[in-house]
PDB file of N, CA and C in Angstrom:
ATOM      1  N   MET A   1      -1.025  51.012  45.520  1.00  0.00           N
ATOM      2  CA  MET A   1      -1.907  50.016  44.986  1.00  0.00           C
ATOM      3  C   MET A   1      -1.768  49.913  43.462  1.00  0.00           C
ATOM      4  N   TYR A   2      -1.689  51.112  42.797  1.00  0.00           N
ATOM      5  CA  TYR A   2      -1.519  51.105  41.349  1.00  0.00           C
ATOM      6  C   TYR A   2      -0.186  50.476  40.949  1.00  0.00           C
ATOM      7  N   TYR A   3       0.825  50.687  41.762  1.00  0.00           N
ATOM      8  CA  TYR A   3       2.130  50.090  41.509  1.00  0.00           C
ATOM      9  C   TYR A   3       2.021  48.564  41.495  1.00  0.00           C
ATOM     10  N   LEU A   4       1.320  47.976  42.442  1.00  0.00           N
ATOM     11  CA  LEU A   4       1.148  46.532  42.528  1.00  0.00           C
ATOM     12  C   LEU A   4       0.373  45.991  41.321  1.00  0.00           C
ATOM     13  N   ILE A   5      -0.674  46.692  40.901  1.00  0.00           N
ATOM     14  CA  ILE A   5      -1.465  46.281  39.736  1.00  0.00           C
ATOM     15  C   ILE A   5      -0.607  46.346  38.473  1.00  0.00           C
ATOM     16  N   MET A   6       0.162  47.383  38.310  1.00  0.00           N
ATOM     17  CA  MET A   6       1.033  47.513  37.147  1.00  0.00           C
ATOM     18  C   MET A   6       2.116  46.436  37.143  1.00  0.00           C
ATOM     19  N   GLN A   7       2.635  46.118  38.308  1.00  0.00           N
ATOM     20  CA  GLN A   7       3.654  45.080  38.414  1.00  0.00           C
ATOM     21  C   GLN A   7       3.073  43.713  38.021  1.00  0.00           C
ATOM     22  N   ILE A   8       1.891  43.389  38.492  1.00  0.00           N
ATOM     23  CA  ILE A   8       1.240  42.117  38.136  1.00  0.00           C
ATOM     24  C   ILE A   8       0.956  42.070  36.636  1.00  0.00           C
ATOM     25  N   ALA A   9       0.446  43.156  36.065  1.00  0.00           N
ATOM     26  CA  ALA A   9       0.157  43.223  34.633  1.00  0.00           C
ATOM     27  C   ALA A   9       1.439  43.044  33.823  1.00  0.00           C
ATOM     28  N   LEU A  10       2.543  43.654  34.257  1.00  0.00           N
ATOM     29  CA  LEU A  10       3.817  43.524  33.563  1.00  0.00           C
ATOM     30  C   LEU A  10       4.322  42.086  33.600  1.00  0.00           C
ATOM     31  N   PHE A  11       4.239  41.445  34.757  1.00  0.00           N
ATOM     32  CA  PHE A  11       4.672  40.044  34.865  1.00  0.00           C
ATOM     33  C   PHE A  11       3.789  39.114  34.028  1.00  0.00           C
ATOM     34  N   LEU A  12       2.488  39.357  33.982  1.00  0.00           N
ATOM     35  CA  LEU A  12       1.597  38.551  33.144  1.00  0.00           C
ATOM     36  C   LEU A  12       1.919  38.717  31.668  1.00  0.00           C
ATOM     37  N   LEU A  13       2.172  39.957  31.253  1.00  0.00           N
ATOM     38  CA  LEU A  13       2.534  40.225  29.871  1.00  0.00           C
ATOM     39  C   LEU A  13       3.864  39.571  29.526  1.00  0.00           C
ATOM     40  N   LEU A  14       4.835  39.667  30.419  1.00  0.00           N
ATOM     41  CA  LEU A  14       6.138  39.042  30.205  1.00  0.00           C
ATOM     42  C   LEU A  14       6.009  37.521  30.126  1.00  0.00           C
ATOM     43  N   ALA A  15       5.211  36.929  31.007  1.00  0.00           N
ATOM     44  CA  ALA A  15       4.995  35.478  30.990  1.00  0.00           C
ATOM     45  C   ALA A  15       4.313  35.045  29.693  1.00  0.00           C
ATOM     46  N   MET A  16       3.364  35.839  29.197  1.00  0.00           N
ATOM     47  CA  MET A  16       2.673  35.516  27.960  1.00  0.00           C
ATOM     48  C   MET A  16       3.634  35.561  26.769  1.00  0.00           C
ATOM     49  N   VAL A  17       4.492  36.573  26.715  1.00  0.00           N
ATOM     50  CA  VAL A  17       5.459  36.691  25.626  1.00  0.00           C
ATOM     51  C   VAL A  17       6.447  35.536  25.657  1.00  0.00           C
ATOM     52  N   ILE A  18       6.945  35.205  26.819  1.00  0.00           N
ATOM     53  CA  ILE A  18       7.884  34.077  26.948  1.00  0.00           C
ATOM     54  C   ILE A  18       7.191  32.772  26.555  1.00  0.00           C
ATOM     55  N   GLY A  19       5.945  32.591  26.992  1.00  0.00           N
ATOM     56  CA  GLY A  19       5.196  31.383  26.641  1.00  0.00           C
ATOM     57  C   GLY A  19       4.968  31.248  25.151  1.00  0.00           C
ATOM     58  N   ILE A  20       4.621  32.336  24.498  1.00  0.00           N
ATOM     59  CA  ILE A  20       4.426  32.319  23.045  1.00  0.00           C
ATOM     60  C   ILE A  20       5.733  31.998  22.336  1.00  0.00           C
ATOM     61  N   PHE A  21       6.823  32.600  22.782  1.00  0.00           N
ATOM     62  CA  PHE A  21       8.120  32.340  22.156  1.00  0.00           C
ATOM     63  C   PHE A  21       8.524  30.876  22.308  1.00  0.00           C
ATOM     64  N   ILE A  22       8.394  30.339  23.507  1.00  0.00           N
ATOM     65  CA  ILE A  22       8.760  28.939  23.749  1.00  0.00           C
ATOM     66  C   ILE A  22       7.861  27.997  22.934  1.00  0.00           C
ATOM     67  N   GLY A  23       6.581  28.275  22.917  1.00  0.00           N
ATOM     68  CA  GLY A  23       5.660  27.447  22.140  1.00  0.00           C
ATOM     69  C   GLY A  23       5.961  27.480  20.661  1.00  0.00           C
ATOM     70  N   TRP A  24       6.236  28.659  20.146  1.00  0.00           N
ATOM     71  CA  TRP A  24       6.562  28.789  18.733  1.00  0.00           C
ATOM     72  C   TRP A  24       7.875  28.091  18.403  1.00  0.00           C
ATOM     73  N   ARG A  25       8.834  28.215  19.294  1.00  0.00           N
ATOM     74  CA  ARG A  25      10.164  27.647  19.059  1.00  0.00           C
ATOM     75  C   ARG A  25      10.162  26.124  19.065  1.00  0.00           C
ATOM     76  N   PHE A  26       9.513  25.518  20.050  1.00  0.00           N
ATOM     77  CA  PHE A  26       9.598  24.072  20.202  1.00  0.00           C
ATOM     78  C   PHE A  26       8.488  23.316  19.477  1.00  0.00           C
ATOM     79  N   ILE A  27       7.313  23.836  19.425  1.00  0.00           N
ATOM     80  CA  ILE A  27       6.207  23.116  18.813  1.00  0.00           C
ATOM     81  C   ILE A  27       6.084  23.444  17.334  1.00  0.00           C
ATOM     82  N   GLY A  28       6.394  24.634  16.945  1.00  0.00           N
ATOM     83  CA  GLY A  28       6.220  25.064  15.563  1.00  0.00           C
ATOM     84  C   GLY A  28       7.108  24.347  14.575  1.00  0.00           C
ATOM     85  N   SER A  29       8.289  23.917  14.959  1.00  0.00           N
ATOM     86  CA  SER A  29       9.215  23.322  14.002  1.00  0.00           C
ATOM     87  C   SER A  29       9.077  21.814  13.879  1.00  0.00           C
ATOM     88  N   LYS A  30       8.685  21.104  14.891  1.00  0.00           N
ATOM     89  CA  LYS A  30       8.658  19.646  14.854  1.00  0.00           C
ATOM     90  C   LYS A  30       7.568  19.053  13.973  1.00  0.00           C
ATOM     91  N   PRO A  31       6.352  19.559  13.940  1.00  0.00           N
ATOM     92  CA  PRO A  31       5.343  18.928  13.086  1.00  0.00           C
ATOM     93  C   PRO A  31       5.709  18.932  11.612  1.00  0.00           C
ATOM     94  N   GLU A  32       6.448  19.917  11.136  1.00  0.00           N
ATOM     95  CA  GLU A  32       6.841  19.940   9.738  1.00  0.00           C
ATOM     96  C   GLU A  32       7.731  18.755   9.404  1.00  0.00           C
ATOM     97  N   GLU A  33       8.678  18.435  10.278  1.00  0.00           N
ATOM     98  CA  GLU A  33       9.555  17.296  10.047  1.00  0.00           C
ATOM     99  C   GLU A  33       8.764  16.003  10.067  1.00  0.00           C
ATOM    100  N   ALA A  34       7.839  15.876  10.992  1.00  0.00           N
ATOM    101  CA  ALA A  34       7.022  14.678  11.077  1.00  0.00           C
ATOM    102  C   ALA A  34       6.131  14.549   9.847  1.00  0.00           C
ATOM    103  N   GLU A  35       5.592  15.662   9.364  1.00  0.00           N
ATOM    104  CA  GLU A  35       4.742  15.626   8.181  1.00  0.00           C
ATOM    105  C   GLU A  35       5.540  15.190   6.962  1.00  0.00           C
ATOM    106  N   VAL A  36       6.776  15.646   6.838  1.00  0.00           N
ATOM    107  CA  VAL A  36       7.613  15.261   5.703  1.00  0.00           C
ATOM    108  C   VAL A  36       7.876  13.767   5.748  1.00  0.00           C
ATOM    109  N   ASP A  37       8.232  13.228   6.918  1.00  0.00           N
ATOM    110  CA  ASP A  37       8.491  11.805   7.037  1.00  0.00           C
ATOM    111  C   ASP A  37       7.236  10.998   6.721  1.00  0.00           C
ATOM    112  N   GLN A  38       6.095  11.423   7.241  1.00  0.00           N
ATOM    113  CA  GLN A  38       4.853  10.701   6.997  1.00  0.00           C
ATOM    114  C   GLN A  38       4.447  10.800   5.530  1.00  0.00           C
ATOM    115  N   SER A  39       4.646  11.946   4.915  1.00  0.00           N
ATOM    116  CA  SER A  39       4.252  12.077   3.511  1.00  0.00           C
ATOM    117  C   SER A  39       5.145  11.218   2.617  1.00  0.00           C
ATOM    118  N   GLU A  40       6.422  11.123   2.927  1.00  0.00           N
ATOM    119  CA  GLU A  40       7.311  10.256   2.150  1.00  0.00           C
ATOM    120  C   GLU A  40       6.916   8.792   2.321  1.00  0.00           C
ATOM    121  N   GLU A  41       6.591   8.396   3.538  1.00  0.00           N
ATOM    122  CA  GLU A  41       6.148   7.027   3.781  1.00  0.00           C
ATOM    123  C   GLU A  41       4.837   6.761   3.072  1.00  0.00           C
ATOM    124  N   LEU A  42       3.941   7.727   3.075  1.00  0.00           N
ATOM    125  CA  LEU A  42       2.653   7.579   2.411  1.00  0.00           C
ATOM    126  C   LEU A  42       2.833   7.443   0.904  1.00  0.00           C
ATOM    127  N   ILE A  43       3.709   8.252   0.341  1.00  0.00           N
ATOM    128  CA  ILE A  43       3.980   8.172  -1.100  1.00  0.00           C
ATOM    129  C   ILE A  43       4.579   6.812  -1.450  1.00  0.00           C
ATOM    130  N   ALA A  44       5.517   6.335  -0.636  1.00  0.00           N
ATOM    131  CA  ALA A  44       6.126   5.027  -0.887  1.00  0.00           C
ATOM    132  C   ALA A  44       5.081   3.918  -0.775  1.00  0.00           C
ATOM    133  N   SER A  45       4.203   4.014   0.207  1.00  0.00           N
ATOM    134  CA  SER A  45       3.151   3.007   0.364  1.00  0.00           C
ATOM    135  C   SER A  45       2.198   3.026  -0.817  1.00  0.00           C
ATOM    136  N   LYS A  46       1.855   4.216  -1.296  1.00  0.00           N
ATOM    137  CA  LYS A  46       0.964   4.302  -2.462  1.00  0.00           C
ATOM    138  C   LYS A  46       1.625   3.712  -3.699  1.00  0.00           C
ATOM    139  N   ARG A  47       2.920   3.945  -3.848  1.00  0.00           N
ATOM    140  CA  ARG A  47       3.631   3.363  -4.998  1.00  0.00           C
ATOM    141  C   ARG A  47       3.627   1.844  -4.921  1.00  0.00           C
ATOM    142  N   ARG A  48       3.897   1.303  -3.721  1.00  0.00           N
ATOM    143  CA  ARG A  48       3.871  -0.154  -3.568  1.00  0.00           C
ATOM    144  C   ARG A  48       2.477  -0.700  -3.849  1.00  0.00           C
ATOM    145  N   LEU A  49       1.465   0.002  -3.375  1.00  0.00           N
ATOM    146  CA  LEU A  49       0.086  -0.435  -3.587  1.00  0.00           C
ATOM    147  C   LEU A  49      -0.264  -0.410  -5.071  1.00  0.00           C
ATOM    148  N   ASP A  50       0.113   0.656  -5.771  1.00  0.00           N
ATOM    149  CA  ASP A  50      -0.143   0.729  -7.210  1.00  0.00           C
ATOM    150  C   ASP A  50       0.602  -0.376  -7.961  1.00  0.00           C
ATOM    151  N   GLN A  51       1.835  -0.623  -7.561  1.00  0.00           N
ATOM    152  CA  GLN A  51       2.617  -1.687  -8.188  1.00  0.00           C
ATOM    153  C   GLN A  51       1.949  -3.035  -7.975  1.00  0.00           C
ATOM    154  N   CYS A  52       1.446  -3.274  -6.773  1.00  0.00           N
ATOM    155  CA  CYS A  52       0.762  -4.532  -6.483  1.00  0.00           C
ATOM    156  C   CYS A  52      -0.511  -4.667  -7.303  1.00  0.00           C
ATOM    157  N   HIS A  53      -1.241  -3.570  -7.475  1.00  0.00           N
ATOM    158  CA  HIS A  53      -2.452  -3.612  -8.303  1.00  0.00           C
ATOM    159  C   HIS A  53      -2.106  -3.951  -9.755  1.00  0.00           C
ATOM    160  N   ARG A  54      -1.038  -3.334 -10.278  1.00  0.00           N
ATOM    161  CA  ARG A  54      -0.635  -3.632 -11.654  1.00  0.00           C
ATOM    162  C   ARG A  54      -0.207  -5.095 -11.805  1.00  0.00           C
ATOM    163  N   GLU A  55       0.598  -5.573 -10.856  1.00  0.00           N
ATOM    164  CA  GLU A  55       1.044  -6.959 -10.926  1.00  0.00           C
ATOM    165  C   GLU A  55      -0.129  -7.923 -10.777  1.00  0.00           C
ATOM    166  N   ASN A  56      -1.067  -7.568  -9.910  1.00  0.00           N
ATOM    167  CA  ASN A  56      -2.240  -8.403  -9.718  1.00  0.00           C
ATOM    168  C   ASN A  56      -3.049  -8.493 -11.012  1.00  0.00           C
ATOM    169  N   ALA A  57      -3.254  -7.360 -11.678  1.00  0.00           N
ATOM    170  CA  ALA A  57      -3.991  -7.357 -12.942  1.00  0.00           C
ATOM    171  C   ALA A  57      -3.254  -8.177 -14.000  1.00  0.00           C
ATOM    172  N   LYS A  58      -1.932  -8.054 -14.021  1.00  0.00           N
ATOM    173  CA  LYS A  58      -1.130  -8.810 -14.990  1.00  0.00           C
ATOM    174  C   LYS A  58      -1.265 -10.315 -14.729  1.00  0.00           C
ATOM    175  N   LEU A  59      -1.205 -10.710 -13.472  1.00  0.00           N
ATOM    176  CA  LEU A  59      -1.337 -12.121 -13.141  1.00  0.00           C
ATOM    177  C   LEU A  59      -2.730 -12.651 -13.468  1.00  0.00           C
ATOM    178  N   ARG A  60      -3.744 -11.848 -13.250  1.00  0.00           N
ATOM    179  CA  ARG A  60      -5.105 -12.279 -13.588  1.00  0.00           C
ATOM    180  C   ARG A  60      -5.270 -12.452 -15.099  1.00  0.00           C
ATOM    181  N   ARG A  61      -4.680 -11.542 -15.878  1.00  0.00           N
ATOM    182  CA  ARG A  61      -4.744 -11.690 -17.342  1.00  0.00           C
ATOM    183  C   ARG A  61      -4.032 -12.962 -17.787  1.00  0.00           C
ATOM    184  N   ALA A  62      -2.850 -13.204 -17.217  1.00  0.00           N
ATOM    185  CA  ALA A  62      -2.108 -14.420 -17.574  1.00  0.00           C
ATOM    186  C   ALA A  62      -2.887 -15.662 -17.169  1.00  0.00           C
ATOM    187  N   SER A  63      -3.524 -15.620 -16.015  1.00  0.00           N
ATOM    188  CA  SER A  63      -4.322 -16.752 -15.560  1.00  0.00           C
ATOM    189  C   SER A  63      -5.485 -17.013 -16.505  1.00  0.00           C
ATOM    190  N   LYS A  64      -6.152 -15.952 -16.919  1.00  0.00           N
ATOM    191  CA  LYS A  64      -7.282 -16.101 -17.848  1.00  0.00           C
ATOM    192  C   LYS A  64      -6.800 -16.677 -19.170  1.00  0.00           C
ATOM    193  N   GLN A  65      -5.657 -16.205 -19.644  1.00  0.00           N
ATOM    194  CA  GLN A  65      -5.105 -16.703 -20.896  1.00  0.00           C
ATOM    195  C   GLN A  65      -4.790 -18.200 -20.790  1.00  0.00           C
ATOM    196  N   HIS A  66      -4.212 -18.615 -19.679  1.00  0.00           N
ATOM    197  CA  HIS A  66      -3.890 -20.027 -19.491  1.00  0.00           C
ATOM    198  C   HIS A  66      -5.160 -20.867 -19.365  1.00  0.00           C
ATOM    199  N   LYS A  67      -6.183 -20.322 -18.741  1.00  0.00           N
ATOM    200  CA  LYS A  67      -7.444 -21.065 -18.655  1.00  0.00           C
ATOM    201  C   LYS A  67      -8.050 -21.260 -20.034  1.00  0.00           C
ATOM    202  N   ASP A  68      -7.960 -20.230 -20.871  1.00  0.00           N
ATOM    203  CA  ASP A  68      -8.465 -20.364 -22.242  1.00  0.00           C
ATOM    204  C   ASP A  68      -7.695 -21.437 -22.998  1.00  0.00           C
ATOM    205  N   GLU A  69      -6.369 -21.441 -22.841  1.00  0.00           N
ATOM    206  CA  GLU A  69      -5.551 -22.470 -23.479  1.00  0.00           C
ATOM    207  C   GLU A  69      -5.915 -23.854 -22.949  1.00  0.00           C
ATOM    208  N   LEU A  70      -6.176 -23.941 -21.658  1.00  0.00           N
ATOM    209  CA  LEU A  70      -6.551 -25.211 -21.049  1.00  0.00           C
ATOM    210  C   LEU A  70      -7.866 -25.731 -21.621  1.00  0.00           C
ATOM    211  N   GLU A  71      -8.807 -24.836 -21.832  1.00  0.00           N
ATOM    212  CA  GLU A  71     -10.078 -25.243 -22.430  1.00  0.00           C
ATOM    213  C   GLU A  71      -9.866 -25.769 -23.841  1.00  0.00           C
ATOM    214  N   LYS A  72      -8.997 -25.119 -24.622  1.00  0.00           N
ATOM    215  CA  LYS A  72      -8.689 -25.595 -25.976  1.00  0.00           C
ATOM    216  C   LYS A  72      -8.060 -26.983 -25.931  1.00  0.00           C
ATOM    217  N   ILE A  73      -7.135 -27.164 -24.995  1.00  0.00           N
ATOM    218  CA  ILE A  73      -6.481 -28.469 -24.872  1.00  0.00           C
ATOM    219  C   ILE A  73      -7.490 -29.535 -24.467  1.00  0.00           C
ATOM    220  N   ASN A  74      -8.396 -29.183 -23.554  1.00  0.00           N
ATOM    221  CA  ASN A  74      -9.434 -30.146 -23.147  1.00  0.00           C
ATOM    222  C   ASN A  74     -10.303 -30.557 -24.335  1.00  0.00           C
ATOM    223  N   LYS A  75     -10.647 -29.597 -25.189  1.00  0.00           N
ATOM    224  CA  LYS A  75     -11.454 -29.912 -26.369  1.00  0.00           C
ATOM    225  C   LYS A  75     -10.687 -30.822 -27.317  1.00  0.00           C
ATOM    226  N   GLN A  76      -9.382 -30.530 -27.518  1.00  0.00           N
ATOM    227  CA  GLN A  76      -8.563 -31.376 -28.385  1.00  0.00           C
ATOM    228  C   GLN A  76      -8.435 -32.774 -27.804  1.00  0.00           C
ATOM    229  N   MET A  77      -8.271 -32.842 -26.499  1.00  0.00           N
ATOM    230  CA  MET A  77      -8.112 -34.136 -25.841  1.00  0.00           C
ATOM    231  C   MET A  77      -9.393 -34.954 -25.944  1.00  0.00           C
ATOM    232  N   ALA A  78     -10.521 -34.295 -25.846  1.00  0.00           N
ATOM    233  CA  ALA A  78     -11.793 -35.003 -25.976  1.00  0.00           C
ATOM    234  C   ALA A  78     -11.955 -35.556 -27.390  1.00  0.00           C
ATOM    235  N   MET A  79     -11.438 -34.837 -28.363  1.00  0.00           N
ATOM    236  CA  MET A  79     -11.554 -35.289 -29.751  1.00  0.00           C
ATOM    237  C   MET A  79     -10.534 -36.365 -30.090  1.00  0.00           C
ATOM    238  N   GLU A  80      -9.305 -36.194 -29.648  1.00  0.00           N
ATOM    239  CA  GLU A  80      -8.228 -37.086 -30.067  1.00  0.00           C
ATOM    240  C   GLU A  80      -7.876 -38.143 -29.021  1.00  0.00           C
ATOM    241  N   GLY A  81      -7.862 -37.759 -27.756  1.00  0.00           N
ATOM    242  CA  GLY A  81      -7.469 -38.699 -26.707  1.00  0.00           C
ATOM    243  C   GLY A  81      -5.976 -38.979 -26.707  1.00  0.00           C
ATOM    244  N   ASP A  82      -5.155 -38.031 -27.039  1.00  0.00           N
ATOM    245  CA  ASP A  82      -3.706 -38.195 -27.156  1.00  0.00           C
ATOM    246  C   ASP A  82      -3.030 -38.051 -25.791  1.00  0.00           C
ATOM    247  N   ALA A  83      -1.979 -38.846 -25.526  1.00  0.00           N
ATOM    248  CA  ALA A  83      -1.239 -38.797 -24.261  1.00  0.00           C
ATOM    249  C   ALA A  83      -0.404 -37.513 -24.159  1.00  0.00           C
ATOM    250  N   ASP A  84       0.072 -37.007 -25.310  1.00  0.00           N
ATOM    251  CA  ASP A  84       0.856 -35.778 -25.319  1.00  0.00           C
ATOM    252  C   ASP A  84      -0.007 -34.591 -24.860  1.00  0.00           C
ATOM    253  N   ILE A  85      -1.226 -34.602 -25.238  1.00  0.00           N
ATOM    254  CA  ILE A  85      -2.131 -33.528 -24.831  1.00  0.00           C
ATOM    255  C   ILE A  85      -2.396 -33.608 -23.329  1.00  0.00           C
ATOM    256  N   ALA A  86      -2.448 -34.802 -22.768  1.00  0.00           N
ATOM    257  CA  ALA A  86      -2.646 -34.957 -21.324  1.00  0.00           C
ATOM    258  C   ALA A  86      -1.465 -34.350 -20.559  1.00  0.00           C
ATOM    259  N   ALA A  87      -0.247 -34.500 -21.090  1.00  0.00           N
ATOM    260  CA  ALA A  87       0.932 -33.905 -20.458  1.00  0.00           C
ATOM    261  C   ALA A  87       0.862 -32.378 -20.532  1.00  0.00           C
ATOM    262  N   GLN A  88       0.421 -31.879 -21.674  1.00  0.00           N
ATOM    263  CA  GLN A  88       0.254 -30.434 -21.820  1.00  0.00           C
ATOM    264  C   GLN A  88      -0.803 -29.920 -20.844  1.00  0.00           C
ATOM    265  N   LEU A  89      -1.834 -30.694 -20.653  1.00  0.00           N
ATOM    266  CA  LEU A  89      -2.903 -30.324 -19.736  1.00  0.00           C
ATOM    267  C   LEU A  89      -2.378 -30.240 -18.303  1.00  0.00           C
ATOM    268  N   GLU A  90      -1.589 -31.201 -17.903  1.00  0.00           N
ATOM    269  CA  GLU A  90      -1.012 -31.176 -16.550  1.00  0.00           C
ATOM    270  C   GLU A  90      -0.083 -29.977 -16.369  1.00  0.00           C
ATOM    271  N   ALA A  91       0.719 -29.675 -17.391  1.00  0.00           N
ATOM    272  CA  ALA A  91       1.622 -28.520 -17.314  1.00  0.00           C
ATOM    273  C   ALA A  91       0.821 -27.219 -17.214  1.00  0.00           C
ATOM    274  N   ALA A  92      -0.246 -27.133 -17.988  1.00  0.00           N
ATOM    275  CA  ALA A  92      -1.088 -25.930 -17.942  1.00  0.00           C
ATOM    276  C   ALA A  92      -1.761 -25.801 -16.580  1.00  0.00           C
ATOM    277  N   ASN A  93      -2.198 -26.908 -16.010  1.00  0.00           N
ATOM    278  CA  ASN A  93      -2.806 -26.867 -14.674  1.00  0.00           C
ATOM    279  C   ASN A  93      -1.803 -26.385 -13.632  1.00  0.00           C
ATOM    280  N   ALA A  94      -0.568 -26.856 -13.740  1.00  0.00           N
ATOM    281  CA  ALA A  94       0.468 -26.424 -12.799  1.00  0.00           C
ATOM    282  C   ALA A  94       0.740 -24.926 -12.934  1.00  0.00           C
ATOM    283  N   GLN A  95       0.782 -24.418 -14.167  1.00  0.00           N
ATOM    284  CA  GLN A  95       0.998 -22.986 -14.388  1.00  0.00           C
ATOM    285  C   GLN A  95      -0.151 -22.168 -13.830  1.00  0.00           C
ATOM    286  N   ILE A  96      -1.359 -22.627 -14.050  1.00  0.00           N
ATOM    287  CA  ILE A  96      -2.525 -21.907 -13.547  1.00  0.00           C
ATOM    288  C   ILE A  96      -2.505 -21.873 -12.029  1.00  0.00           C
ATOM    289  N   GLN A  97      -2.167 -22.970 -11.407  1.00  0.00           N
ATOM    290  CA  GLN A  97      -2.122 -23.003  -9.940  1.00  0.00           C
ATOM    291  C   GLN A  97      -1.048 -22.053  -9.406  1.00  0.00           C
ATOM    292  N   ALA A  98       0.098 -22.015 -10.066  1.00  0.00           N
ATOM    293  CA  ALA A  98       1.156 -21.097  -9.644  1.00  0.00           C
ATOM    294  C   ALA A  98       0.713 -19.645  -9.801  1.00  0.00           C
ATOM    295  N   LEU A  99       0.045 -19.342 -10.897  1.00  0.00           N
ATOM    296  CA  LEU A  99      -0.450 -17.978 -11.097  1.00  0.00           C
ATOM    297  C   LEU A  99      -1.507 -17.617 -10.059  1.00  0.00           C
ATOM    298  N   MET A 100      -2.385 -18.536  -9.740  1.00  0.00           N
ATOM    299  CA  MET A 100      -3.414 -18.261  -8.745  1.00  0.00           C
ATOM    300  C   MET A 100      -2.792 -18.051  -7.364  1.00  0.00           C
ATOM    301  N   ASP A 101      -1.730 -18.779  -7.062  1.00  0.00           N
ATOM    302  CA  ASP A 101      -1.015 -18.560  -5.803  1.00  0.00           C
ATOM    303  C   ASP A 101      -0.401 -17.160  -5.766  1.00  0.00           C
ATOM    304  N   ASP A 102       0.188 -16.740  -6.904  1.00  0.00           N
ATOM    305  CA  ASP A 102       0.747 -15.384  -6.986  1.00  0.00           C
ATOM    306  C   ASP A 102      -0.340 -14.327  -6.821  1.00  0.00           C
ATOM    307  N   VAL A 103      -1.485 -14.559  -7.451  1.00  0.00           N
ATOM    308  CA  VAL A 103      -2.596 -13.617  -7.330  1.00  0.00           C
ATOM    309  C   VAL A 103      -3.046 -13.511  -5.878  1.00  0.00           C
ATOM    310  N   GLN A 104      -3.148 -14.652  -5.213  1.00  0.00           N
ATOM    311  CA  GLN A 104      -3.566 -14.638  -3.813  1.00  0.00           C
ATOM    312  C   GLN A 104      -2.559 -13.899  -2.940  1.00  0.00           C
ATOM    313  N   MET A 105      -1.266 -14.107  -3.210  1.00  0.00           N
ATOM    314  CA  MET A 105      -0.230 -13.421  -2.453  1.00  0.00           C
ATOM    315  C   MET A 105      -0.321 -11.906  -2.666  1.00  0.00           C
ATOM    316  N   ARG A 106      -0.549 -11.483  -3.902  1.00  0.00           N
ATOM    317  CA  ARG A 106      -0.680 -10.054  -4.202  1.00  0.00           C
ATOM    318  C   ARG A 106      -1.935  -9.477  -3.548  1.00  0.00           C
ATOM    319  N   ASP A 107      -3.019 -10.235  -3.576  1.00  0.00           N
ATOM    320  CA  ASP A 107      -4.242  -9.761  -2.913  1.00  0.00           C
ATOM    321  C   ASP A 107      -4.006  -9.551  -1.422  1.00  0.00           C
ATOM    322  N   ASP A 108      -3.292 -10.472  -0.807  1.00  0.00           N
ATOM    323  CA  ASP A 108      -2.978 -10.327   0.615  1.00  0.00           C
ATOM    324  C   ASP A 108      -2.110  -9.101   0.873  1.00  0.00           C
ATOM    325  N   MET A 109      -1.134  -8.860  -0.013  1.00  0.00           N
ATOM    326  CA  MET A 109      -0.248  -7.723   0.140  1.00  0.00           C
ATOM    327  C   MET A 109      -1.018  -6.413  -0.059  1.00  0.00           C
ATOM    328  N   ILE A 110      -1.926  -6.398  -1.034  1.00  0.00           N
ATOM    329  CA  ILE A 110      -2.748  -5.205  -1.272  1.00  0.00           C
ATOM    330  C   ILE A 110      -3.603  -4.919  -0.051  1.00  0.00           C
ATOM    331  N   THR A 111      -4.188  -5.953   0.511  1.00  0.00           N
ATOM    332  CA  THR A 111      -5.025  -5.776   1.699  1.00  0.00           C
ATOM    333  C   THR A 111      -4.198  -5.217   2.849  1.00  0.00           C
ATOM    334  N   ALA A 112      -2.996  -5.746   3.040  1.00  0.00           N
ATOM    335  CA  ALA A 112      -2.132  -5.262   4.123  1.00  0.00           C
ATOM    336  C   ALA A 112      -1.730  -3.808   3.900  1.00  0.00           C
ATOM    337  N   LEU A 113      -1.414  -3.447   2.660  1.00  0.00           N
ATOM    338  CA  LEU A 113      -1.009  -2.069   2.377  1.00  0.00           C
ATOM    339  C   LEU A 113      -2.181  -1.101   2.533  1.00  0.00           C
ATOM    340  N   GLU A 114      -3.376  -1.548   2.157  1.00  0.00           N
ATOM    341  CA  GLU A 114      -4.537  -0.678   2.325  1.00  0.00           C
ATOM    342  C   GLU A 114      -4.873  -0.473   3.782  1.00  0.00           C
ATOM    343  N   LYS A 115      -4.589  -1.448   4.622  1.00  0.00           N
ATOM    344  CA  LYS A 115      -4.820  -1.289   6.053  1.00  0.00           C
ATOM    345  C   LYS A 115      -3.836  -0.301   6.669  1.00  0.00           C
ATOM    346  N   GLN A 116      -2.642  -0.166   6.088  1.00  0.00           N
ATOM    347  CA  GLN A 116      -1.636   0.750   6.606  1.00  0.00           C
ATOM    348  C   GLN A 116      -2.004   2.202   6.380  1.00  0.00           C
ATOM    349  N   LYS A 117      -2.864   2.473   5.410  1.00  0.00           N
ATOM    350  CA  LYS A 117      -3.257   3.860   5.130  1.00  0.00           C
ATOM    351  C   LYS A 117      -3.846   4.445   6.311  1.00  0.00           C
TER     352      LYS A 117
END
């Protein structure tokens, strides 16, 4: 009877050692590779997001500057009524619209990148 109990205990111990070895061998190494890939992707995404934030701020500053110029032109046009100023006004409006489109595109990209986190 003791022989049978010792045999079962030996097989259980052997199965446990083999199970630990197999688990350590196959599961222990793969998460590190996955973590490296994910961390590199995360770093790249953060860089793109930071770049988009900087570009967005730059576009907003340029837009504000053009709006200020547009207000000056409007004041001059109200005083003088010159046709040349009207052309400048149209050009400034076109630039502002293009900048606002760029800002909107960057905002959309920032939103998409933040959702990827």
